[in-house]
N, C-alpha and C. Protein backbone atom coordinates (compact mmCIF):
# COMPACT_ATOMS: atom_id res chain seq x y z
N PHE A 1 -32.03 107.30 -95.25
CA PHE A 1 -31.07 108.78 -96.02
C PHE A 1 -31.05 108.57 -97.82
N GLN A 2 -31.92 109.36 -98.35
CA GLN A 2 -32.53 109.50 -99.69
C GLN A 2 -31.31 109.69 -100.86
N PRO A 3 -30.83 108.92 -101.35
CA PRO A 3 -30.16 109.37 -102.47
C PRO A 3 -30.44 110.64 -103.30
N ASN A 4 -31.77 111.00 -103.23
CA ASN A 4 -32.00 111.72 -104.04
C ASN A 4 -32.40 113.07 -103.46
N ALA A 5 -32.13 112.92 -102.22
CA ALA A 5 -32.52 114.13 -101.38
C ALA A 5 -31.83 115.61 -102.02
N GLN A 6 -32.80 116.80 -101.47
CA GLN A 6 -32.67 117.89 -102.58
C GLN A 6 -32.38 119.14 -101.68
N HIS A 7 -33.36 119.11 -99.61
CA HIS A 7 -33.03 120.12 -99.34
C HIS A 7 -33.12 119.43 -97.60
N LEU A 8 -31.75 120.25 -97.34
CA LEU A 8 -30.60 119.58 -95.71
C LEU A 8 -31.62 121.34 -95.17
N VAL A 9 -31.93 120.83 -93.23
CA VAL A 9 -32.16 121.63 -92.94
C VAL A 9 -31.27 121.42 -91.54
N ILE A 10 -30.54 122.90 -91.64
CA ILE A 10 -29.79 122.66 -90.34
C ILE A 10 -29.54 123.94 -89.02
N PHE A 11 -29.71 122.77 -88.08
CA PHE A 11 -29.66 123.80 -86.77
C PHE A 11 -28.61 124.21 -86.37
N GLY A 12 -28.05 125.32 -86.42
CA GLY A 12 -26.88 125.88 -85.79
C GLY A 12 -26.28 125.96 -87.08
N ALA A 13 -25.04 127.60 -86.26
CA ALA A 13 -24.26 127.52 -87.42
C ALA A 13 -23.26 127.83 -87.34
N GLY A 14 -22.49 126.80 -86.20
CA GLY A 14 -20.89 127.10 -85.86
C GLY A 14 -20.78 125.70 -87.02
N ALA A 15 -19.24 125.34 -86.63
CA ALA A 15 -18.50 124.48 -87.46
C ALA A 15 -18.55 123.19 -87.59
N GLN A 16 -19.61 122.49 -86.64
CA GLN A 16 -19.86 121.41 -87.07
C GLN A 16 -21.54 121.71 -88.02
N ALA A 17 -22.09 122.65 -87.89
CA ALA A 17 -22.73 122.31 -89.13
C ALA A 17 -22.43 122.76 -90.42
N GLU A 18 -21.26 123.05 -90.56
CA GLU A 18 -20.52 123.56 -91.95
C GLU A 18 -20.20 121.58 -92.44
N CYS A 19 -19.49 121.25 -91.14
CA CYS A 19 -18.74 120.10 -91.54
C CYS A 19 -20.68 118.89 -91.88
N HIS A 20 -21.48 119.14 -91.51
CA HIS A 20 -22.53 118.38 -91.64
C HIS A 20 -22.77 119.10 -93.38
N VAL A 21 -22.64 119.92 -93.56
CA VAL A 21 -23.21 120.63 -94.90
C VAL A 21 -22.30 119.66 -95.94
N GLU A 22 -21.28 119.96 -95.58
CA GLU A 22 -19.69 119.55 -96.37
C GLU A 22 -20.17 117.76 -96.56
N ILE A 23 -20.46 117.16 -95.27
CA ILE A 23 -20.26 115.80 -95.70
C ILE A 23 -21.67 115.05 -96.21
N MET A 24 -22.57 115.87 -96.27
CA MET A 24 -24.29 115.72 -97.45
C MET A 24 -23.67 115.99 -98.56
N GLN A 25 -22.50 116.88 -98.95
CA GLN A 25 -22.80 116.42 -100.39
C GLN A 25 -21.63 115.64 -100.93
N VAL A 26 -20.98 115.04 -99.68
CA VAL A 26 -19.94 113.84 -100.31
C VAL A 26 -20.34 112.97 -100.67
N ALA A 27 -21.11 112.75 -99.35
CA ALA A 27 -22.55 111.41 -99.62
C ALA A 27 -22.99 111.38 -100.76
N LEU A 28 -23.75 112.14 -101.01
CA LEU A 28 -24.66 112.15 -102.12
C LEU A 28 -23.47 112.47 -103.41
N GLN A 29 -22.69 112.76 -103.36
CA GLN A 29 -21.18 113.10 -104.59
C GLN A 29 -21.80 114.17 -105.17
N ARG A 30 -22.78 115.09 -104.54
CA ARG A 30 -23.11 116.50 -105.64
C ARG A 30 -23.85 117.50 -104.83
N THR A 31 -24.03 118.58 -105.01
CA THR A 31 -24.32 119.81 -104.28
C THR A 31 -25.20 119.36 -103.84
N ILE A 32 -25.92 119.51 -102.35
CA ILE A 32 -27.42 119.57 -102.04
C ILE A 32 -28.21 120.80 -102.62
N GLN A 33 -29.16 120.89 -103.29
CA GLN A 33 -29.63 122.03 -104.02
C GLN A 33 -30.57 122.88 -103.25
N LYS A 34 -30.72 123.03 -101.88
CA LYS A 34 -31.23 123.72 -101.10
C LYS A 34 -31.06 123.61 -99.10
N VAL A 35 -30.33 124.48 -98.99
CA VAL A 35 -30.16 124.30 -97.42
C VAL A 35 -30.68 125.43 -96.70
N THR A 36 -31.18 124.98 -95.47
CA THR A 36 -32.08 126.26 -94.67
C THR A 36 -31.02 126.11 -93.70
N ILE A 37 -30.62 127.17 -92.92
CA ILE A 37 -29.84 127.06 -91.58
C ILE A 37 -30.46 127.71 -90.51
N VAL A 38 -30.95 127.19 -90.05
CA VAL A 38 -31.89 128.15 -88.44
C VAL A 38 -30.84 127.84 -87.06
N ASN A 39 -30.59 129.25 -87.23
CA ASN A 39 -30.26 129.65 -86.01
C ASN A 39 -30.69 130.90 -84.97
N ARG A 40 -30.44 130.99 -83.49
CA ARG A 40 -30.72 132.00 -82.80
C ARG A 40 -30.40 133.55 -83.40
N THR A 41 -29.23 133.63 -83.98
CA THR A 41 -28.45 135.07 -84.68
C THR A 41 -28.38 134.83 -86.10
N LYS A 42 -29.60 136.01 -86.42
CA LYS A 42 -28.92 136.05 -88.14
C LYS A 42 -27.40 136.09 -88.34
N GLU A 43 -26.62 137.28 -87.81
CA GLU A 43 -24.70 137.16 -87.82
C GLU A 43 -24.37 135.56 -88.15
N ARG A 44 -24.38 135.32 -87.04
CA ARG A 44 -24.14 133.95 -87.46
C ARG A 44 -24.24 133.04 -88.24
N ALA A 45 -25.40 133.02 -88.66
CA ALA A 45 -26.33 132.53 -89.77
C ALA A 45 -25.88 132.97 -90.95
N GLU A 46 -25.93 134.34 -91.36
CA GLU A 46 -25.39 134.76 -92.26
C GLU A 46 -23.55 134.41 -93.02
N ALA A 47 -22.87 134.38 -91.62
CA ALA A 47 -21.93 133.77 -91.86
C ALA A 47 -21.70 132.56 -92.41
N LEU A 48 -22.01 131.92 -91.85
CA LEU A 48 -22.02 130.16 -92.34
C LEU A 48 -22.65 130.85 -93.50
N ARG A 49 -23.58 130.66 -93.92
CA ARG A 49 -24.35 131.37 -95.42
C ARG A 49 -23.17 131.72 -96.13
N SER A 50 -22.28 132.82 -95.84
CA SER A 50 -21.53 133.43 -96.72
C SER A 50 -19.97 132.11 -97.25
N ARG A 51 -19.70 131.36 -96.11
CA ARG A 51 -18.99 130.43 -96.14
C ARG A 51 -19.31 129.36 -96.90
N LEU A 52 -20.68 128.73 -96.94
CA LEU A 52 -20.80 127.47 -97.70
C LEU A 52 -21.18 128.16 -98.93
N LEU A 53 -21.44 129.08 -99.58
CA LEU A 53 -21.38 129.63 -100.66
C LEU A 53 -20.32 129.84 -101.75
N SER A 54 -19.04 130.19 -100.70
CA SER A 54 -17.46 130.37 -101.12
C SER A 54 -17.13 128.88 -101.23
N LEU A 55 -17.54 128.30 -100.92
CA LEU A 55 -16.94 126.82 -101.32
C LEU A 55 -18.07 126.50 -102.31
N SER A 56 -18.98 126.95 -102.73
CA SER A 56 -19.87 126.20 -103.94
C SER A 56 -18.98 126.56 -104.65
N SER A 57 -19.10 125.56 -106.64
CA SER A 57 -18.82 125.93 -107.43
C SER A 57 -19.76 126.91 -108.18
N SER A 58 -19.08 127.36 -108.98
CA SER A 58 -19.72 128.70 -109.79
C SER A 58 -20.83 128.41 -110.26
N SER A 59 -21.25 126.88 -110.77
CA SER A 59 -21.82 126.98 -111.27
C SER A 59 -23.29 125.72 -110.72
N SER A 60 -22.81 125.81 -109.64
CA SER A 60 -24.15 125.54 -109.23
C SER A 60 -24.90 126.66 -108.71
N SER A 61 -26.32 125.74 -108.74
CA SER A 61 -27.53 126.71 -108.56
C SER A 61 -27.67 126.30 -107.17
N GLN A 62 -27.43 126.40 -106.12
CA GLN A 62 -27.38 126.29 -104.50
C GLN A 62 -28.25 127.25 -104.46
N VAL A 63 -29.19 127.02 -103.41
CA VAL A 63 -30.20 127.75 -102.66
C VAL A 63 -29.77 127.92 -101.04
N ILE A 64 -29.33 128.68 -100.48
CA ILE A 64 -29.10 128.80 -98.94
C ILE A 64 -29.84 130.24 -98.48
N ASP A 65 -30.52 129.50 -97.51
CA ASP A 65 -31.57 130.35 -96.90
C ASP A 65 -31.46 130.52 -95.40
N VAL A 66 -31.78 131.29 -94.66
CA VAL A 66 -31.90 131.53 -93.53
C VAL A 66 -32.82 131.55 -92.79
N VAL A 67 -33.45 131.47 -91.56
CA VAL A 67 -34.63 131.16 -90.47
C VAL A 67 -34.14 130.89 -89.42
N LEU A 68 -34.58 132.15 -88.91
CA LEU A 68 -34.46 132.60 -86.97
C LEU A 68 -35.24 131.86 -86.14
N LEU A 69 -34.38 131.05 -84.97
CA LEU A 69 -34.71 129.67 -84.56
C LEU A 69 -36.22 130.60 -83.44
N SER A 70 -36.75 131.92 -83.61
CA SER A 70 -37.62 132.43 -83.11
C SER A 70 -38.41 132.31 -84.23
N ASP A 71 -38.75 132.28 -85.53
CA ASP A 71 -39.29 131.63 -86.44
C ASP A 71 -40.13 130.90 -87.23
N GLU A 72 -40.99 130.40 -85.65
CA GLU A 72 -41.86 128.97 -86.14
C GLU A 72 -42.57 128.86 -87.29
N GLU A 73 -43.12 130.27 -87.76
CA GLU A 73 -43.99 129.56 -89.08
C GLU A 73 -42.54 128.86 -90.19
N GLY A 74 -41.52 129.68 -90.40
CA GLY A 74 -40.87 129.55 -91.24
C GLY A 74 -39.70 128.24 -91.06
N ILE A 75 -39.53 127.97 -89.37
CA ILE A 75 -39.28 126.29 -89.26
C ILE A 75 -39.58 125.23 -89.65
N SER A 76 -41.38 125.66 -89.69
CA SER A 76 -42.38 124.75 -90.59
C SER A 76 -42.06 124.05 -91.12
N LYS A 77 -42.30 125.71 -92.55
CA LYS A 77 -42.30 125.46 -93.73
C LYS A 77 -41.04 125.01 -94.38
N ALA A 78 -39.97 125.20 -94.07
CA ALA A 78 -38.62 124.55 -93.96
C ALA A 78 -38.26 122.63 -93.41
N LEU A 79 -38.91 122.79 -92.36
CA LEU A 79 -38.96 121.48 -92.13
C LEU A 79 -40.25 120.40 -93.14
N SER A 80 -40.97 120.82 -93.55
CA SER A 80 -42.00 120.18 -94.42
C SER A 80 -41.58 119.76 -95.87
N THR A 81 -40.82 120.18 -96.21
CA THR A 81 -39.90 120.21 -97.44
C THR A 81 -38.53 119.54 -97.29
N ALA A 82 -38.11 119.09 -96.14
CA ALA A 82 -36.47 118.71 -95.81
C ALA A 82 -36.69 117.52 -95.99
N ASP A 83 -35.46 116.89 -96.26
CA ASP A 83 -35.21 115.36 -96.85
C ASP A 83 -34.00 114.94 -95.76
N VAL A 84 -33.54 116.20 -94.97
CA VAL A 84 -32.48 115.83 -93.93
C VAL A 84 -32.50 116.53 -93.10
N VAL A 85 -32.61 116.47 -91.82
CA VAL A 85 -32.65 117.43 -91.15
C VAL A 85 -31.46 117.22 -89.63
N ALA A 86 -30.82 117.84 -89.85
CA ALA A 86 -29.05 118.04 -89.41
C ALA A 86 -29.06 118.87 -87.83
N ALA A 87 -29.43 118.26 -86.68
CA ALA A 87 -29.38 119.27 -85.32
C ALA A 87 -28.03 119.27 -84.94
N THR A 88 -27.70 120.67 -85.03
CA THR A 88 -25.93 120.67 -84.83
C THR A 88 -26.10 121.89 -83.33
N THR A 89 -26.78 121.94 -82.44
CA THR A 89 -26.19 122.59 -81.55
C THR A 89 -26.55 122.34 -80.20
N ASN A 90 -26.23 122.66 -79.20
CA ASN A 90 -26.51 121.99 -78.41
C ASN A 90 -27.65 122.86 -76.77
N ALA A 91 -28.43 122.93 -77.78
CA ALA A 91 -29.93 123.39 -77.13
C ALA A 91 -30.34 122.12 -76.22
N SER A 92 -31.68 122.76 -75.23
CA SER A 92 -31.81 121.89 -74.19
C SER A 92 -33.42 121.86 -74.54
N GLU A 93 -33.70 122.49 -75.23
CA GLU A 93 -35.21 122.31 -75.55
C GLU A 93 -35.84 121.77 -77.15
N PRO A 94 -36.70 121.50 -76.60
CA PRO A 94 -36.87 120.86 -78.35
C PRO A 94 -36.86 121.96 -79.62
N LEU A 95 -35.99 121.81 -81.00
CA LEU A 95 -36.23 122.72 -81.85
C LEU A 95 -37.06 122.88 -82.42
N TRP A 96 -38.34 122.12 -82.38
CA TRP A 96 -39.73 121.90 -83.11
C TRP A 96 -40.08 121.69 -82.32
N LYS A 97 -41.98 122.16 -82.54
CA LYS A 97 -42.78 121.43 -82.16
C LYS A 97 -43.61 120.02 -82.39
N ASP A 98 -43.37 120.46 -83.95
CA ASP A 98 -44.34 119.38 -84.66
C ASP A 98 -43.93 118.31 -85.55
N GLY A 99 -43.97 117.66 -84.87
CA GLY A 99 -42.76 116.02 -85.96
C GLY A 99 -43.73 115.89 -87.60
N SER A 100 -45.43 115.95 -86.88
CA SER A 100 -45.53 115.60 -88.19
C SER A 100 -45.70 116.10 -89.24
N ILE A 101 -44.70 117.49 -89.43
CA ILE A 101 -45.05 117.69 -90.52
C ILE A 101 -43.87 117.73 -91.30
N LEU A 102 -43.17 116.73 -90.98
CA LEU A 102 -41.71 115.95 -91.52
C LEU A 102 -42.30 115.28 -92.64
N LYS A 103 -41.97 115.40 -93.68
CA LYS A 103 -42.35 114.75 -94.84
C LYS A 103 -41.82 112.99 -94.47
N LYS A 104 -42.36 112.10 -94.98
CA LYS A 104 -42.12 110.62 -94.91
C LYS A 104 -40.81 110.20 -95.64
N GLY A 105 -39.79 110.01 -94.53
CA GLY A 105 -38.36 109.40 -95.60
C GLY A 105 -37.34 110.00 -94.71
N CYS A 106 -38.02 111.35 -94.25
CA CYS A 106 -36.86 112.37 -93.98
C CYS A 106 -35.88 111.81 -93.15
N LEU A 107 -35.05 112.56 -92.85
CA LEU A 107 -33.69 111.94 -92.48
C LEU A 107 -33.12 112.75 -90.84
N ILE A 108 -32.89 112.00 -89.66
CA ILE A 108 -32.62 113.57 -89.00
C ILE A 108 -31.84 113.22 -88.06
N THR A 109 -30.57 113.93 -87.89
CA THR A 109 -29.64 113.71 -87.34
C THR A 109 -29.08 114.05 -86.41
């Protein structure tokens, strides 16, 4: 885990995903700059995005993006800049195809 982590990619948009974002920010002792939520449905991802934005301070410049699970290019782009990837889903299939796109030192939880 890198103390200068800036980008969290989170697979899933339920309660566990929300807790992971909060825990990352507690561990870093600051707001993580960028969160990318990857989910099957846009509605659930947008709902999580709204909850997270409502919890962040008004002075925060946090960016929260939504990428659909069906968007392989969007997932690859997000993963290539991720410092932390959290899989908060019960998926039985791999969430991404090419692990070589992860940057060196990326933490996967």
